[in-house]
């Protein structure tokens, strides 16, 4: 097993200062406390990320 994290990068559409992270495999952020910290909100198996941009695209990089 490699210690290197799998990474991905994409342009993600933003509407109303937010974009969502979801998964076909089940809820996202199951280990995160339900609620929010002003930048990330977890509710009903969906993770919402708050952005400064109202509408457009943001560059997002994820690692696991």
N, C-alpha and C. Protein backbone atom coordinates (compact mmCIF):
# COMPACT_ATOMS: atom_id res chain seq x y z
N UNK A 1 0.84 -1.17 0.00
CA UNK A 1 0.00 0.00 0.00
C UNK A 1 0.89 1.24 0.00
N UNK A 2 0.53 2.19 -0.80
CA UNK A 2 1.30 3.43 -0.93
C UNK A 2 0.83 4.46 0.09
N UNK A 3 1.79 5.25 0.59
CA UNK A 3 1.45 6.34 1.49
C UNK A 3 0.98 7.58 0.74
N UNK A 4 1.12 7.55 -0.59
CA UNK A 4 0.72 8.70 -1.41
C UNK A 4 -0.80 8.74 -1.54
N UNK A 5 -1.37 9.91 -1.32
CA UNK A 5 -2.82 10.09 -1.40
C UNK A 5 -3.27 10.18 -2.85
N UNK A 6 -4.44 9.63 -3.14
CA UNK A 6 -5.05 9.80 -4.46
C UNK A 6 -5.59 11.22 -4.52
N UNK A 7 -5.30 11.90 -5.63
CA UNK A 7 -5.71 13.30 -5.77
C UNK A 7 -6.48 13.48 -7.07
N UNK A 8 -7.38 14.45 -7.06
CA UNK A 8 -8.12 14.83 -8.25
C UNK A 8 -8.35 16.33 -8.26
N UNK A 9 -8.51 16.89 -9.44
CA UNK A 9 -8.71 18.32 -9.58
C UNK A 9 -9.75 18.56 -10.66
N UNK A 10 -10.67 19.49 -10.42
CA UNK A 10 -11.70 19.81 -11.41
C UNK A 10 -12.26 21.20 -11.15
N UNK A 11 -12.88 21.74 -12.17
CA UNK A 11 -13.62 22.98 -12.06
C UNK A 11 -15.04 22.62 -11.64
N UNK A 12 -15.54 23.24 -10.57
CA UNK A 12 -16.84 22.89 -10.01
C UNK A 12 -17.76 24.11 -10.08
N UNK A 13 -19.00 23.92 -10.57
CA UNK A 13 -19.92 25.06 -10.63
C UNK A 13 -20.42 25.48 -9.25
N UNK A 14 -20.52 26.79 -9.05
CA UNK A 14 -21.00 27.38 -7.81
C UNK A 14 -22.29 28.14 -8.09
N UNK A 15 -23.28 27.96 -7.23
CA UNK A 15 -24.52 28.75 -7.30
C UNK A 15 -24.86 29.19 -5.88
N UNK A 16 -25.24 30.44 -5.75
CA UNK A 16 -25.63 30.99 -4.45
C UNK A 16 -24.54 30.78 -3.39
N UNK A 17 -23.28 31.02 -3.77
CA UNK A 17 -22.14 30.94 -2.85
C UNK A 17 -21.85 29.54 -2.33
N UNK A 18 -22.28 28.47 -3.03
CA UNK A 18 -22.05 27.14 -2.50
C UNK A 18 -22.00 26.07 -3.58
N UNK A 19 -21.34 24.96 -3.25
CA UNK A 19 -21.41 23.76 -4.07
C UNK A 19 -21.49 22.56 -3.12
N UNK A 20 -22.05 21.47 -3.61
CA UNK A 20 -22.24 20.29 -2.78
C UNK A 20 -21.30 19.17 -3.15
N UNK A 21 -20.98 18.35 -2.17
CA UNK A 21 -20.19 17.14 -2.36
C UNK A 21 -21.08 15.97 -1.97
N UNK A 22 -21.27 15.04 -2.90
CA UNK A 22 -22.10 13.87 -2.63
C UNK A 22 -21.40 12.63 -3.16
N UNK A 23 -21.93 11.46 -2.82
CA UNK A 23 -21.33 10.20 -3.26
C UNK A 23 -22.42 9.18 -3.52
N UNK A 24 -22.25 8.39 -4.57
CA UNK A 24 -23.18 7.30 -4.84
C UNK A 24 -23.01 6.17 -3.84
N UNK A 25 -21.86 6.15 -3.14
CA UNK A 25 -21.55 5.08 -2.20
C UNK A 25 -22.15 5.28 -0.82
N UNK A 26 -22.77 6.41 -0.58
CA UNK A 26 -23.36 6.67 0.73
C UNK A 26 -23.14 8.10 1.15
N UNK A 27 -23.42 8.41 2.40
CA UNK A 27 -23.30 9.78 2.89
C UNK A 27 -21.86 10.28 2.87
N UNK A 28 -21.71 11.56 2.64
CA UNK A 28 -20.38 12.18 2.70
C UNK A 28 -20.16 12.74 4.09
N UNK A 29 -18.93 12.76 4.52
CA UNK A 29 -18.59 13.32 5.83
C UNK A 29 -19.22 12.61 7.00
N UNK A 30 -19.33 11.25 6.99
CA UNK A 30 -20.01 10.59 8.10
C UNK A 30 -19.31 10.79 9.45
N UNK A 31 -18.02 11.08 9.42
CA UNK A 31 -17.28 11.27 10.66
C UNK A 31 -17.28 12.72 11.13
N UNK A 32 -17.87 13.61 10.33
CA UNK A 32 -17.93 15.01 10.69
C UNK A 32 -19.18 15.29 11.52
N UNK A 33 -19.04 16.19 12.46
CA UNK A 33 -20.19 16.57 13.28
C UNK A 33 -21.23 17.24 12.39
N UNK A 34 -22.47 16.84 12.55
CA UNK A 34 -23.56 17.45 11.78
C UNK A 34 -23.66 18.91 12.21
N UNK A 35 -23.68 19.80 11.28
CA UNK A 35 -23.74 21.23 11.56
C UNK A 35 -22.85 21.96 10.58
N UNK A 36 -22.30 23.09 11.02
CA UNK A 36 -21.45 23.85 10.12
C UNK A 36 -20.42 24.65 10.90
N UNK A 37 -19.39 25.09 10.15
CA UNK A 37 -18.35 25.91 10.76
C UNK A 37 -18.16 27.20 9.97
N UNK A 38 -19.16 27.62 9.24
CA UNK A 38 -19.19 28.81 8.40
C UNK A 38 -18.60 28.58 7.03
N UNK A 39 -17.81 27.53 6.82
CA UNK A 39 -17.28 27.21 5.49
C UNK A 39 -17.78 25.87 4.97
N UNK A 40 -18.05 24.95 5.86
CA UNK A 40 -18.53 23.62 5.47
C UNK A 40 -19.72 23.26 6.35
N UNK A 41 -20.77 22.75 5.69
CA UNK A 41 -21.97 22.32 6.42
C UNK A 41 -22.25 20.86 6.04
N UNK A 42 -22.54 20.02 7.01
CA UNK A 42 -22.87 18.62 6.77
C UNK A 42 -24.31 18.41 7.21
N UNK A 43 -25.13 17.90 6.29
CA UNK A 43 -26.54 17.65 6.61
C UNK A 43 -27.10 16.63 5.64
N UNK A 44 -27.81 15.65 6.16
CA UNK A 44 -28.52 14.67 5.34
C UNK A 44 -27.62 13.97 4.32
N UNK A 45 -26.40 13.61 4.72
CA UNK A 45 -25.51 12.87 3.84
C UNK A 45 -24.85 13.69 2.75
N UNK A 46 -25.01 14.99 2.79
CA UNK A 46 -24.45 15.89 1.80
C UNK A 46 -23.54 16.88 2.50
N UNK A 47 -22.41 17.16 1.89
CA UNK A 47 -21.49 18.16 2.41
C UNK A 47 -21.59 19.39 1.52
N UNK A 48 -21.88 20.56 2.10
CA UNK A 48 -22.01 21.82 1.38
C UNK A 48 -20.79 22.67 1.70
N UNK A 49 -20.13 23.18 0.66
CA UNK A 49 -18.98 24.05 0.83
C UNK A 49 -19.39 25.47 0.45
N UNK A 50 -19.16 26.42 1.34
CA UNK A 50 -19.51 27.82 1.12
C UNK A 50 -18.32 28.53 0.47
N UNK A 51 -18.61 29.31 -0.57
CA UNK A 51 -17.55 30.02 -1.30
C UNK A 51 -17.78 31.53 -1.24
N UNK A 52 -16.77 32.28 -1.61
CA UNK A 52 -16.91 33.73 -1.73
C UNK A 52 -17.59 34.11 -3.03
N UNK A 53 -17.50 33.26 -4.02
CA UNK A 53 -18.08 33.49 -5.34
C UNK A 53 -19.57 33.18 -5.32
N UNK A 54 -20.39 34.07 -5.85
CA UNK A 54 -21.84 33.83 -5.90
C UNK A 54 -22.20 32.82 -6.97
N UNK A 55 -21.76 33.05 -8.19
CA UNK A 55 -22.09 32.18 -9.32
C UNK A 55 -20.88 32.09 -10.24
N UNK A 56 -20.56 30.89 -10.67
CA UNK A 56 -19.43 30.68 -11.57
C UNK A 56 -18.79 29.34 -11.28
N UNK A 57 -17.49 29.24 -11.51
CA UNK A 57 -16.76 28.01 -11.29
C UNK A 57 -15.59 28.24 -10.35
N UNK A 58 -15.30 27.25 -9.50
CA UNK A 58 -14.12 27.30 -8.64
C UNK A 58 -13.27 26.07 -8.93
N UNK A 59 -11.97 26.22 -8.78
CA UNK A 59 -11.03 25.12 -8.97
C UNK A 59 -10.93 24.37 -7.65
N UNK A 60 -11.24 23.06 -7.67
CA UNK A 60 -11.26 22.25 -6.45
C UNK A 60 -10.30 21.08 -6.60
N UNK A 61 -9.49 20.86 -5.56
CA UNK A 61 -8.61 19.70 -5.50
C UNK A 61 -9.02 18.86 -4.30
N UNK A 62 -9.16 17.56 -4.52
CA UNK A 62 -9.50 16.64 -3.43
C UNK A 62 -8.42 15.58 -3.31
N UNK A 63 -8.23 15.10 -2.10
CA UNK A 63 -7.28 14.02 -1.83
C UNK A 63 -7.91 13.05 -0.86
N UNK A 64 -7.58 11.77 -1.03
CA UNK A 64 -8.10 10.78 -0.06
C UNK A 64 -7.02 9.79 0.21
